[in-house]
């Protein structure tokens, strides 16, 4: 069974069509990385899934049932933008208020459980306004986890976090799906971080799904390249450009060659042209590079 099945979803805001027949499939137990540029329709899709806005057309099923079904709707947790907390109240009191809003039984136990899941049990007595951005993001996820939702929808939960905050957030999200019963949909512009945790991806543009794939399928689709450093980088790049169709220098200061068969082939070719190679390796392009290549290919069309 899939956690989310969307077919031909449309959404109009006046004369503007935000979603244009979107199809989307999120398997149960996945961390689904939802990717797209600003204005592509990510947040609109998430808000429709969570029942915050109504679709103009199309079909949405959550765990095989219509998304308006009250029972399945009660099992959806959401964090879009930022949690609605009272700044002068403690983390604990904010959580208890949310538990009361949701009419949760054994509220204290459930709040403790949610705070522990997001590594915030030690900060329960802190006032919300004194929490860091990373802590506030985790508080928002803790609120979304109240009531034990089987589907969690998170909009940009990694934004603004430092390296340690991102590490903790990655651990939190991977812990949530370990039992195979919970599913997370997470949108983010930080594709390098998303690639470390996502099991599935959906790439949206102009209100339409460009492609969906598993992490393994992405890995197979990412082109392999040879990266090198040479004693004379300028001469190396000029020589390689005469033989290979795509040669470029990356941000780390390596020359990348995308269509060479073997690294030894490059070393031999450069040696024959009077260039000594200091370092050479093979690697694959990242999710971010794959995304940029995909967008550029669509622009050409």
C-alpha atoms as a PDB file:
ATOM      1  CA  UNK A   1       0.000   0.000   0.000  1.00  0.00           C
ATOM      2  CA  UNK A   2       1.153   3.543  -0.756  1.00  0.00           C
ATOM      3  CA  UNK A   3       1.000   6.315   1.818  1.00  0.00           C
ATOM      4  CA  UNK A   4       0.032   8.890  -0.817  1.00  0.00           C
ATOM      5  CA  UNK A   5      -1.426   8.436  -4.303  1.00  0.00           C
ATOM      6  CA  UNK A   6      -2.201  11.587  -6.266  1.00  0.00           C
ATOM      7  CA  UNK A   7      -3.605  11.552  -9.788  1.00  0.00           C
ATOM      8  CA  UNK A   8      -4.199  14.524 -12.083  1.00  0.00           C
ATOM      9  CA  UNK A   9      -4.207  17.029  -9.218  1.00  0.00           C
ATOM     10  CA  UNK A  10      -5.015  20.624 -10.144  1.00  0.00           C
ATOM     11  CA  UNK A  11      -5.199  23.797  -8.097  1.00  0.00           C
ATOM     12  CA  UNK A  12      -6.207  27.231  -9.315  1.00  0.00           C
ATOM     13  CA  UNK A  13      -5.733  30.508  -7.485  1.00  0.00           C
ATOM     14  CA  UNK A  14      -7.909  32.823  -9.514  1.00  0.00           C
ATOM     15  CA  UNK A  15      -6.483  32.854 -13.038  1.00  0.00           C
ATOM     16  CA  UNK A  16      -3.219  31.231 -11.938  1.00  0.00           C
ATOM     17  CA  UNK A  17      -2.913  27.465 -12.170  1.00  0.00           C
ATOM     18  CA  UNK A  18      -0.479  26.314  -9.492  1.00  0.00           C
ATOM     19  CA  UNK A  19      -0.858  22.566 -10.107  1.00  0.00           C
ATOM     20  CA  UNK A  20      -1.392  21.196 -13.607  1.00  0.00           C
ATOM     21  CA  UNK A  21      -2.411  17.548 -13.468  1.00  0.00           C
ATOM     22  CA  UNK A  22       0.161  16.453 -10.881  1.00  0.00           C
ATOM     23  CA  UNK A  23       0.754  12.731 -10.311  1.00  0.00           C
ATOM     24  CA  UNK A  24       2.597  11.611  -7.172  1.00  0.00           C
ATOM     25  CA  UNK A  25       3.187   8.283  -5.427  1.00  0.00           C
ATOM     26  CA  UNK A  26       4.749   7.986  -1.965  1.00  0.00           C
ATOM     27  CA  UNK A  27       5.336   4.413  -0.724  1.00  0.00           C
ATOM     28  CA  UNK A  28       4.635   3.561   2.903  1.00  0.00           C
ATOM     29  CA  UNK A  29       7.763   3.694   5.053  1.00  0.00           C
ATOM     30  CA  UNK A  30       9.586   6.119   2.768  1.00  0.00           C
ATOM     31  CA  UNK A  31      11.384   9.382   3.348  1.00  0.00           C
ATOM     32  CA  UNK A  32      10.171  11.114   0.204  1.00  0.00           C
ATOM     33  CA  UNK A  33      12.313  14.060  -0.864  1.00  0.00           C
ATOM     34  CA  UNK A  34      10.033  16.556  -2.602  1.00  0.00           C
ATOM     35  CA  UNK A  35      12.165  18.810  -4.786  1.00  0.00           C
ATOM     36  CA  UNK A  36      11.448  21.860  -6.901  1.00  0.00           C
ATOM     37  CA  UNK A  37      12.257  25.514  -7.386  1.00  0.00           C
ATOM     38  CA  UNK A  38      10.303  28.277  -5.640  1.00  0.00           C
ATOM     39  CA  UNK A  39       6.823  28.506  -7.100  1.00  0.00           C
ATOM     40  CA  UNK A  40       6.899  24.980  -8.521  1.00  0.00           C
ATOM     41  CA  UNK A  41       3.903  23.824  -6.452  1.00  0.00           C
ATOM     42  CA  UNK A  42       5.568  21.933  -3.571  1.00  0.00           C
ATOM     43  CA  UNK A  43       3.905  23.812  -0.712  1.00  0.00           C
ATOM     44  CA  UNK A  44       0.552  23.869  -2.509  1.00  0.00           C
ATOM     45  CA  UNK A  45       0.689  20.084  -2.905  1.00  0.00           C
ATOM     46  CA  UNK A  46       1.655  19.593   0.734  1.00  0.00           C
ATOM     47  CA  UNK A  47      -1.113  21.875   1.966  1.00  0.00           C
ATOM     48  CA  UNK A  48      -3.688  19.969  -0.099  1.00  0.00           C
ATOM     49  CA  UNK A  49      -2.442  16.629   1.244  1.00  0.00           C
ATOM     50  CA  UNK A  50      -2.728  17.997   4.793  1.00  0.00           C
ATOM     51  CA  UNK A  51      -6.220  19.410   4.207  1.00  0.00           C
ATOM     52  CA  UNK A  52      -5.170  23.046   4.647  1.00  0.00           C
ATOM     53  CA  UNK A  53      -6.471  24.022   1.198  1.00  0.00           C
ATOM     54  CA  UNK A  54      -8.867  22.324  -1.225  1.00  0.00           C
ATOM     55  CA  UNK A  55      -7.888  21.025  -4.674  1.00  0.00           C
ATOM     56  CA  UNK A  56      -9.560  22.267  -7.833  1.00  0.00           C
ATOM     57  CA  UNK A  57      -9.554  18.789  -9.348  1.00  0.00           C
ATOM     58  CA  UNK A  58      -7.945  15.368  -9.272  1.00  0.00           C
ATOM     59  CA  UNK A  59      -7.841  12.464  -6.853  1.00  0.00           C
ATOM     60  CA  UNK A  60      -5.877  12.121  -3.598  1.00  0.00           C
ATOM     61  CA  UNK A  61      -5.701   8.930  -1.568  1.00  0.00           C
ATOM     62  CA  UNK A  62      -3.931   8.474   1.763  1.00  0.00           C
ATOM     63  CA  UNK A  63      -3.258   4.836   2.658  1.00  0.00           C
ATOM     64  CA  UNK A  64      -5.855   3.737   0.114  1.00  0.00           C
ATOM     65  CA  UNK A  65      -8.610   6.028   1.392  1.00  0.00           C
ATOM     66  CA  UNK A  66      -9.889   9.390   0.234  1.00  0.00           C
ATOM     67  CA  UNK A  67      -7.871  12.242   1.745  1.00  0.00           C
ATOM     68  CA  UNK A  68     -11.019  13.774   3.248  1.00  0.00           C
ATOM     69  CA  UNK A  69     -11.693  10.650   5.343  1.00  0.00           C
ATOM     70  CA  UNK A  70     -11.731  11.804   8.978  1.00  0.00           C
ATOM     71  CA  UNK A  71      -9.989   8.723  10.347  1.00  0.00           C
ATOM     72  CA  UNK A  72      -7.036   8.906   7.973  1.00  0.00           C
ATOM     73  CA  UNK A  73      -6.898  12.703   8.277  1.00  0.00           C
ATOM     74  CA  UNK A  74      -6.344  12.295  12.035  1.00  0.00           C
ATOM     75  CA  UNK A  75      -3.184  10.275  11.310  1.00  0.00           C
ATOM     76  CA  UNK A  76      -1.423  13.066   9.392  1.00  0.00           C
ATOM     77  CA  UNK A  77       1.122  15.330  11.118  1.00  0.00           C
ATOM     78  CA  UNK A  78       2.311  18.530   9.499  1.00  0.00           C
ATOM     79  CA  UNK A  79       4.931  21.238   9.861  1.00  0.00           C
ATOM     80  CA  UNK A  80       4.651  23.887   7.170  1.00  0.00           C
ATOM     81  CA  UNK A  81       6.677  27.076   7.615  1.00  0.00           C
ATOM     82  CA  UNK A  82       6.996  27.310  11.424  1.00  0.00           C
ATOM     83  CA  UNK A  83       5.222  25.932  14.512  1.00  0.00           C
ATOM     84  CA  UNK A  84       2.584  28.144  16.091  1.00  0.00           C
ATOM     85  CA  UNK A  85       3.994  28.562  19.569  1.00  0.00           C
ATOM     86  CA  UNK A  86       3.610  31.122  22.338  1.00  0.00           C
ATOM     87  CA  UNK A  87       7.052  32.733  22.735  1.00  0.00           C
ATOM     88  CA  UNK A  88       6.837  33.351  26.487  1.00  0.00           C
ATOM     89  CA  UNK A  89       5.660  29.854  27.353  1.00  0.00           C
ATOM     90  CA  UNK A  90       7.984  26.909  27.886  1.00  0.00           C
ATOM     91  CA  UNK A  91       8.453  24.176  25.331  1.00  0.00           C
ATOM     92  CA  UNK A  92       6.549  21.828  27.635  1.00  0.00           C
ATOM     93  CA  UNK A  93       3.560  24.147  28.017  1.00  0.00           C
ATOM     94  CA  UNK A  94       3.385  24.779  24.277  1.00  0.00           C
ATOM     95  CA  UNK A  95       3.386  21.028  23.690  1.00  0.00           C
ATOM     96  CA  UNK A  96       0.686  20.480  26.299  1.00  0.00           C
ATOM     97  CA  UNK A  97      -1.515  23.134  24.686  1.00  0.00           C
ATOM     98  CA  UNK A  98      -1.147  21.382  21.338  1.00  0.00           C
ATOM     99  CA  UNK A  99      -1.973  18.046  22.975  1.00  0.00           C
ATOM    100  CA  UNK A 100      -5.135  19.610  24.416  1.00  0.00           C
ATOM    101  CA  UNK A 101      -6.051  20.982  20.981  1.00  0.00           C
ATOM    102  CA  UNK A 102      -5.767  17.462  19.585  1.00  0.00           C
ATOM    103  CA  UNK A 103      -7.708  15.959  22.525  1.00  0.00           C
ATOM    104  CA  UNK A 104      -4.870  13.525  23.189  1.00  0.00           C
ATOM    105  CA  UNK A 105      -5.274  11.119  26.083  1.00  0.00           C
ATOM    106  CA  UNK A 106      -2.324  10.632  28.445  1.00  0.00           C
ATOM    107  CA  UNK A 107      -1.029  13.999  27.253  1.00  0.00           C
ATOM    108  CA  UNK A 108       2.012  14.147  29.535  1.00  0.00           C
ATOM    109  CA  UNK A 109       3.217  10.722  28.411  1.00  0.00           C
ATOM    110  CA  UNK A 110       2.689  11.556  24.730  1.00  0.00           C
ATOM    111  CA  UNK A 111       4.465  14.911  25.045  1.00  0.00           C
ATOM    112  CA  UNK A 112       7.422  13.255  26.755  1.00  0.00           C
ATOM    113  CA  UNK A 113       7.548  10.641  23.998  1.00  0.00           C
ATOM    114  CA  UNK A 114       7.469  13.244  21.205  1.00  0.00           C
ATOM    115  CA  UNK A 115      10.136  15.431  22.825  1.00  0.00           C
ATOM    116  CA  UNK A 116      12.378  12.406  23.320  1.00  0.00           C
ATOM    117  CA  UNK A 117      12.047  11.459  19.642  1.00  0.00           C
ATOM    118  CA  UNK A 118      13.360  14.861  18.567  1.00  0.00           C
ATOM    119  CA  UNK A 119      16.106  15.015  21.230  1.00  0.00           C
ATOM    120  CA  UNK A 120      14.402  17.888  23.080  1.00  0.00           C
ATOM    121  CA  UNK A 121      13.469  16.303  26.420  1.00  0.00           C
ATOM    122  CA  UNK A 122      16.261  18.223  28.154  1.00  0.00           C
ATOM    123  CA  UNK A 123      14.924  21.558  26.913  1.00  0.00           C
ATOM    124  CA  UNK A 124      11.301  21.122  27.982  1.00  0.00           C
ATOM    125  CA  UNK A 125      11.624  23.899  30.579  1.00  0.00           C
ATOM    126  CA  UNK A 126      13.108  26.445  28.148  1.00  0.00           C
ATOM    127  CA  UNK A 127      10.971  29.330  26.992  1.00  0.00           C
ATOM    128  CA  UNK A 128      10.211  28.957  23.292  1.00  0.00           C
ATOM    129  CA  UNK A 129      11.594  32.420  22.480  1.00  0.00           C
ATOM    130  CA  UNK A 130      14.989  31.421  23.904  1.00  0.00           C
ATOM    131  CA  UNK A 131      15.308  28.332  21.697  1.00  0.00           C
ATOM    132  CA  UNK A 132      17.634  28.280  18.694  1.00  0.00           C
ATOM    133  CA  UNK A 133      16.264  27.901  15.166  1.00  0.00           C
ATOM    134  CA  UNK A 134      17.234  24.237  15.120  1.00  0.00           C
ATOM    135  CA  UNK A 135      15.479  23.640  18.421  1.00  0.00           C
ATOM    136  CA  UNK A 136      12.343  25.418  17.158  1.00  0.00           C
ATOM    137  CA  UNK A 137      12.315  23.217  14.062  1.00  0.00           C
ATOM    138  CA  UNK A 138      12.516  20.117  16.242  1.00  0.00           C
ATOM    139  CA  UNK A 139       9.742  21.457  18.496  1.00  0.00           C
ATOM    140  CA  UNK A 140       7.600  21.833  15.377  1.00  0.00           C
ATOM    141  CA  UNK A 141       8.283  18.226  14.418  1.00  0.00           C
ATOM    142  CA  UNK A 142       7.504  17.112  17.989  1.00  0.00           C
ATOM    143  CA  UNK A 143       4.144  18.882  17.734  1.00  0.00           C
ATOM    144  CA  UNK A 144       3.501  17.189  14.397  1.00  0.00           C
ATOM    145  CA  UNK A 145       4.299  13.824  16.018  1.00  0.00           C
ATOM    146  CA  UNK A 146       1.650  14.209  18.733  1.00  0.00           C
ATOM    147  CA  UNK A 147      -1.102  11.668  18.249  1.00  0.00           C
ATOM    148  CA  UNK A 148       1.294   9.214  16.576  1.00  0.00           C
ATOM    149  CA  UNK A 149       0.651  10.175  12.926  1.00  0.00           C
ATOM    150  CA  UNK A 150       1.551   7.588  10.302  1.00  0.00           C
ATOM    151  CA  UNK A 151       2.248  10.323   7.729  1.00  0.00           C
ATOM    152  CA  UNK A 152       4.429  13.332   8.488  1.00  0.00           C
ATOM    153  CA  UNK A 153       4.603  16.241   6.018  1.00  0.00           C
ATOM    154  CA  UNK A 154       7.480  18.683   6.571  1.00  0.00           C
ATOM    155  CA  UNK A 155       8.104  21.823   4.545  1.00  0.00           C
ATOM    156  CA  UNK A 156      11.763  22.954   4.586  1.00  0.00           C
ATOM    157  CA  UNK A 157      12.646  21.608   8.067  1.00  0.00           C
ATOM    158  CA  UNK A 158      16.395  21.890   7.353  1.00  0.00           C
ATOM    159  CA  UNK A 159      16.438  25.600   6.507  1.00  0.00           C
ATOM    160  CA  UNK A 160      18.759  27.747   8.593  1.00  0.00           C
ATOM    161  CA  UNK A 161      20.238  24.890  10.615  1.00  0.00           C
ATOM    162  CA  UNK A 162      23.933  24.638  11.439  1.00  0.00           C
ATOM    163  CA  UNK A 163      25.885  21.445  10.769  1.00  0.00           C
ATOM    164  CA  UNK A 164      25.039  19.896  14.144  1.00  0.00           C
ATOM    165  CA  UNK A 165      21.372  20.843  13.802  1.00  0.00           C
ATOM    166  CA  UNK A 166      21.225  19.176  10.389  1.00  0.00           C
ATOM    167  CA  UNK A 167      22.860  16.036  11.763  1.00  0.00           C
ATOM    168  CA  UNK A 168      20.308  15.805  14.565  1.00  0.00           C
ATOM    169  CA  UNK A 169      17.448  16.442  12.141  1.00  0.00           C
ATOM    170  CA  UNK A 170      18.695  13.662   9.837  1.00  0.00           C
ATOM    171  CA  UNK A 171      18.817  11.269  12.802  1.00  0.00           C
ATOM    172  CA  UNK A 172      15.309  12.264  13.888  1.00  0.00           C
ATOM    173  CA  UNK A 173      13.792  11.683  10.440  1.00  0.00           C
ATOM    174  CA  UNK A 174      15.504   8.339   9.890  1.00  0.00           C
ATOM    175  CA  UNK A 175      14.438   7.184  13.372  1.00  0.00           C
ATOM    176  CA  UNK A 176      10.791   8.004  12.605  1.00  0.00           C
ATOM    177  CA  UNK A 177      10.571   5.528   9.699  1.00  0.00           C
ATOM    178  CA  UNK A 178      12.561   2.677  11.263  1.00  0.00           C
ATOM    179  CA  UNK A 179       9.458   0.668  12.147  1.00  0.00           C
ATOM    180  CA  UNK A 180       8.259   0.717   8.532  1.00  0.00           C
ATOM    181  CA  UNK A 181       4.842   2.028   9.569  1.00  0.00           C
ATOM    182  CA  UNK A 182       5.593   5.739   9.332  1.00  0.00           C
ATOM    183  CA  UNK A 183       6.157   7.834   6.214  1.00  0.00           C
ATOM    184  CA  UNK A 184       7.796  11.240   5.872  1.00  0.00           C
ATOM    185  CA  UNK A 185       7.407  13.714   3.018  1.00  0.00           C
ATOM    186  CA  UNK A 186      10.067  16.406   3.275  1.00  0.00           C
ATOM    187  CA  UNK A 187      10.709  19.312   0.937  1.00  0.00           C
ATOM    188  CA  UNK A 188      14.070  21.054   0.992  1.00  0.00           C
ATOM    189  CA  UNK A 189      16.358  23.187  -1.146  1.00  0.00           C
ATOM    190  CA  UNK A 190      19.362  21.655   0.663  1.00  0.00           C
ATOM    191  CA  UNK A 191      19.685  18.750  -1.728  1.00  0.00           C
ATOM    192  CA  UNK A 192      23.018  17.559  -0.357  1.00  0.00           C
ATOM    193  CA  UNK A 193      21.418  17.004   3.048  1.00  0.00           C
ATOM    194  CA  UNK A 194      18.284  15.484   1.546  1.00  0.00           C
ATOM    195  CA  UNK A 195      20.371  12.969  -0.387  1.00  0.00           C
ATOM    196  CA  UNK A 196      21.737  11.587   2.897  1.00  0.00           C
ATOM    197  CA  UNK A 197      18.318  10.461   4.154  1.00  0.00           C
ATOM    198  CA  UNK A 198      15.762  10.208   1.325  1.00  0.00           C
ATOM    199  CA  UNK A 199      14.660   6.783   0.086  1.00  0.00           C
ATOM    200  CA  UNK A 200      12.523   8.211  -2.727  1.00  0.00           C
ATOM    201  CA  UNK A 201      12.370  11.457  -4.694  1.00  0.00           C
ATOM    202  CA  UNK A 202       9.836  13.488  -6.599  1.00  0.00           C
ATOM    203  CA  UNK A 203      10.945  16.428  -8.745  1.00  0.00           C
ATOM    204  CA  UNK A 204       8.240  18.982  -9.550  1.00  0.00           C
ATOM    205  CA  UNK A 205       8.302  21.940 -11.921  1.00  0.00           C
ATOM    206  CA  UNK A 206       5.610  24.412 -12.979  1.00  0.00           C
ATOM    207  CA  UNK A 207       2.940  22.355 -11.213  1.00  0.00           C
ATOM    208  CA  UNK A 208       3.810  19.048 -12.893  1.00  0.00           C
ATOM    209  CA  UNK A 209       5.829  16.058 -11.718  1.00  0.00           C
ATOM    210  CA  UNK A 210       8.947  15.741 -13.870  1.00  0.00           C
ATOM    211  CA  UNK A 211      10.047  12.410 -12.437  1.00  0.00           C
ATOM    212  CA  UNK A 212       9.880  10.130  -9.424  1.00  0.00           C
ATOM    213  CA  UNK A 213      12.590   7.644  -8.470  1.00  0.00           C
ATOM    214  CA  UNK A 214      14.066   5.636  -5.651  1.00  0.00           C
ATOM    215  CA  UNK A 215      17.443   6.466  -4.145  1.00  0.00           C
ATOM    216  CA  UNK A 216      18.909   3.469  -5.986  1.00  0.00           C
ATOM    217  CA  UNK A 217      17.452   4.651  -9.285  1.00  0.00           C
ATOM    218  CA  UNK A 218      18.926   8.091  -8.690  1.00  0.00           C
ATOM    219  CA  UNK A 219      22.308   6.534  -8.009  1.00  0.00           C
ATOM    220  CA  UNK A 220      22.090   4.611 -11.287  1.00  0.00           C
ATOM    221  CA  UNK A 221      21.041   7.746 -13.178  1.00  0.00           C
ATOM    222  CA  UNK A 222      23.844   9.952 -11.835  1.00  0.00           C
ATOM    223  CA  UNK A 223      26.669  10.078 -14.356  1.00  0.00           C
ATOM    224  CA  UNK A 224      30.138   8.918 -13.378  1.00  0.00           C
ATOM    225  CA  UNK A 225      33.045  11.274 -13.971  1.00  0.00           C
ATOM    226  CA  UNK A 226      36.796  11.303 -13.507  1.00  0.00           C
ATOM    227  CA  UNK A 227      38.223  14.119 -11.380  1.00  0.00           C
ATOM    228  CA  UNK A 228      41.875  15.082 -11.347  1.00  0.00           C
ATOM    229  CA  UNK A 229      44.445  17.604 -10.278  1.00  0.00           C
ATOM    230  CA  UNK A 230      47.585  18.190 -12.337  1.00  0.00           C
ATOM    231  CA  UNK A 231      50.813  20.139 -11.966  1.00  0.00           C
ATOM    232  CA  UNK A 232      49.722  22.505 -14.740  1.00  0.00           C
ATOM    233  CA  UNK A 233      45.931  22.771 -14.425  1.00  0.00           C
ATOM    234  CA  UNK A 234      45.450  25.206 -17.311  1.00  0.00           C
ATOM    235  CA  UNK A 235      47.399  23.054 -19.732  1.00  0.00           C
ATOM    236  CA  UNK A 236      45.640  19.918 -18.495  1.00  0.00           C
ATOM    237  CA  UNK A 237      42.212  21.455 -19.052  1.00  0.00           C
ATOM    238  CA  UNK A 238      43.145  22.749 -22.520  1.00  0.00           C
ATOM    239  CA  UNK A 239      44.550  19.362 -23.578  1.00  0.00           C
ATOM    240  CA  UNK A 240      41.578  17.414 -22.249  1.00  0.00           C
ATOM    241  CA  UNK A 241      39.106  19.759 -23.960  1.00  0.00           C
ATOM    242  CA  UNK A 242      40.625  18.823 -27.321  1.00  0.00           C
ATOM    243  CA  UNK A 243      39.766  15.146 -26.773  1.00  0.00           C
ATOM    244  CA  UNK A 244      36.686  15.015 -24.541  1.00  0.00           C
ATOM    245  CA  UNK A 245      33.329  16.687 -25.099  1.00  0.00           C
ATOM    246  CA  UNK A 246      32.685  17.817 -21.530  1.00  0.00           C
ATOM    247  CA  UNK A 247      35.556  19.049 -19.373  1.00  0.00           C
ATOM    248  CA  UNK A 248      35.003  21.511 -16.529  1.00  0.00           C
ATOM    249  CA  UNK A 249      36.543  22.668 -13.272  1.00  0.00           C
ATOM    250  CA  UNK A 250      34.491  22.183 -10.105  1.00  0.00           C
ATOM    251  CA  UNK A 251      34.305  24.234  -6.906  1.00  0.00           C
ATOM    252  CA  UNK A 252      36.823  21.970  -5.155  1.00  0.00           C
ATOM    253  CA  UNK A 253      39.470  22.742  -7.768  1.00  0.00           C
ATOM    254  CA  UNK A 254      39.308  19.440  -9.656  1.00  0.00           C
ATOM    255  CA  UNK A 255      39.053  19.067 -13.427  1.00  0.00           C
ATOM    256  CA  UNK A 256      36.134  16.803 -14.274  1.00  0.00           C
ATOM    257  CA  UNK A 257      36.003  14.640 -17.394  1.00  0.00           C
ATOM    258  CA  UNK A 258      32.585  13.088 -18.011  1.00  0.00           C
ATOM    259  CA  UNK A 259      33.077  10.821 -21.008  1.00  0.00           C
ATOM    260  CA  UNK A 260      36.399   9.045 -20.377  1.00  0.00           C
ATOM    261  CA  UNK A 261      36.349   5.227 -20.229  1.00  0.00           C
ATOM    262  CA  UNK A 262      39.109   4.717 -17.660  1.00  0.00           C
ATOM    263  CA  UNK A 263      41.248   7.027 -15.443  1.00  0.00           C
ATOM    264  CA  UNK A 264      44.369   5.402 -16.894  1.00  0.00           C
ATOM    265  CA  UNK A 265      43.310   6.633 -20.313  1.00  0.00           C
ATOM    266  CA  UNK A 266      43.396  10.235 -19.075  1.00  0.00           C
ATOM    267  CA  UNK A 267      46.714   9.854 -17.267  1.00  0.00           C
ATOM    268  CA  UNK A 268      48.355   8.377 -20.361  1.00  0.00           C
ATOM    269  CA  UNK A 269      46.881  11.051 -22.657  1.00  0.00           C
ATOM    270  CA  UNK A 270      48.061  13.906 -20.427  1.00  0.00           C
ATOM    271  CA  UNK A 271      51.526  12.379 -20.002  1.00  0.00           C
ATOM    272  CA  UNK A 272      51.838  12.169 -23.782  1.00  0.00           C
ATOM    273  CA  UNK A 273      51.013  15.892 -23.872  1.00  0.00           C
ATOM    274  CA  UNK A 274      53.594  16.796 -21.221  1.00  0.00           C
ATOM    275  CA  UNK A 275      51.199  17.108 -18.258  1.00  0.00           C
ATOM    276  CA  UNK A 276      51.782  15.216 -15.003  1.00  0.00           C
ATOM    277  CA  UNK A 277      48.729  14.176 -12.956  1.00  0.00           C
ATOM    278  CA  UNK A 278      49.029  14.660  -9.178  1.00  0.00           C
ATOM    279  CA  UNK A 279      45.690  13.142  -8.147  1.00  0.00           C
ATOM    280  CA  UNK A 280      42.887  11.273  -9.914  1.00  0.00           C
ATOM    281  CA  UNK A 281      39.627   9.627  -8.813  1.00  0.00           C
ATOM    282  CA  UNK A 282      36.221   8.594 -10.092  1.00  0.00           C
ATOM    283  CA  UNK A 283      32.931   9.765  -8.591  1.00  0.00           C
ATOM    284  CA  UNK A 284      29.257  10.384  -9.379  1.00  0.00           C
ATOM    285  CA  UNK A 285      27.386  13.648  -9.663  1.00  0.00           C
ATOM    286  CA  UNK A 286      25.295  14.623  -6.629  1.00  0.00           C
ATOM    287  CA  UNK A 287      21.525  14.990  -6.375  1.00  0.00           C
ATOM    288  CA  UNK A 288      21.981  18.754  -6.692  1.00  0.00           C
ATOM    289  CA  UNK A 289      23.968  18.380  -9.917  1.00  0.00           C
ATOM    290  CA  UNK A 290      21.457  15.845 -11.267  1.00  0.00           C
ATOM    291  CA  UNK A 291      18.646  18.300 -10.511  1.00  0.00           C
ATOM    292  CA  UNK A 292      20.456  21.198 -12.195  1.00  0.00           C
ATOM    293  CA  UNK A 293      21.183  19.061 -15.276  1.00  0.00           C
ATOM    294  CA  UNK A 294      17.514  18.043 -15.418  1.00  0.00           C
ATOM    295  CA  UNK A 295      16.345  21.657 -15.178  1.00  0.00           C
ATOM    296  CA  UNK A 296      18.822  22.756 -17.837  1.00  0.00           C
ATOM    297  CA  UNK A 297      17.673  19.983 -20.163  1.00  0.00           C
ATOM    298  CA  UNK A 298      14.069  21.142 -19.754  1.00  0.00           C
ATOM    299  CA  UNK A 299      15.089  24.721 -20.527  1.00  0.00           C
ATOM    300  CA  UNK A 300      16.665  23.578 -23.794  1.00  0.00           C
ATOM    301  CA  UNK A 301      13.410  21.921 -24.784  1.00  0.00           C
END
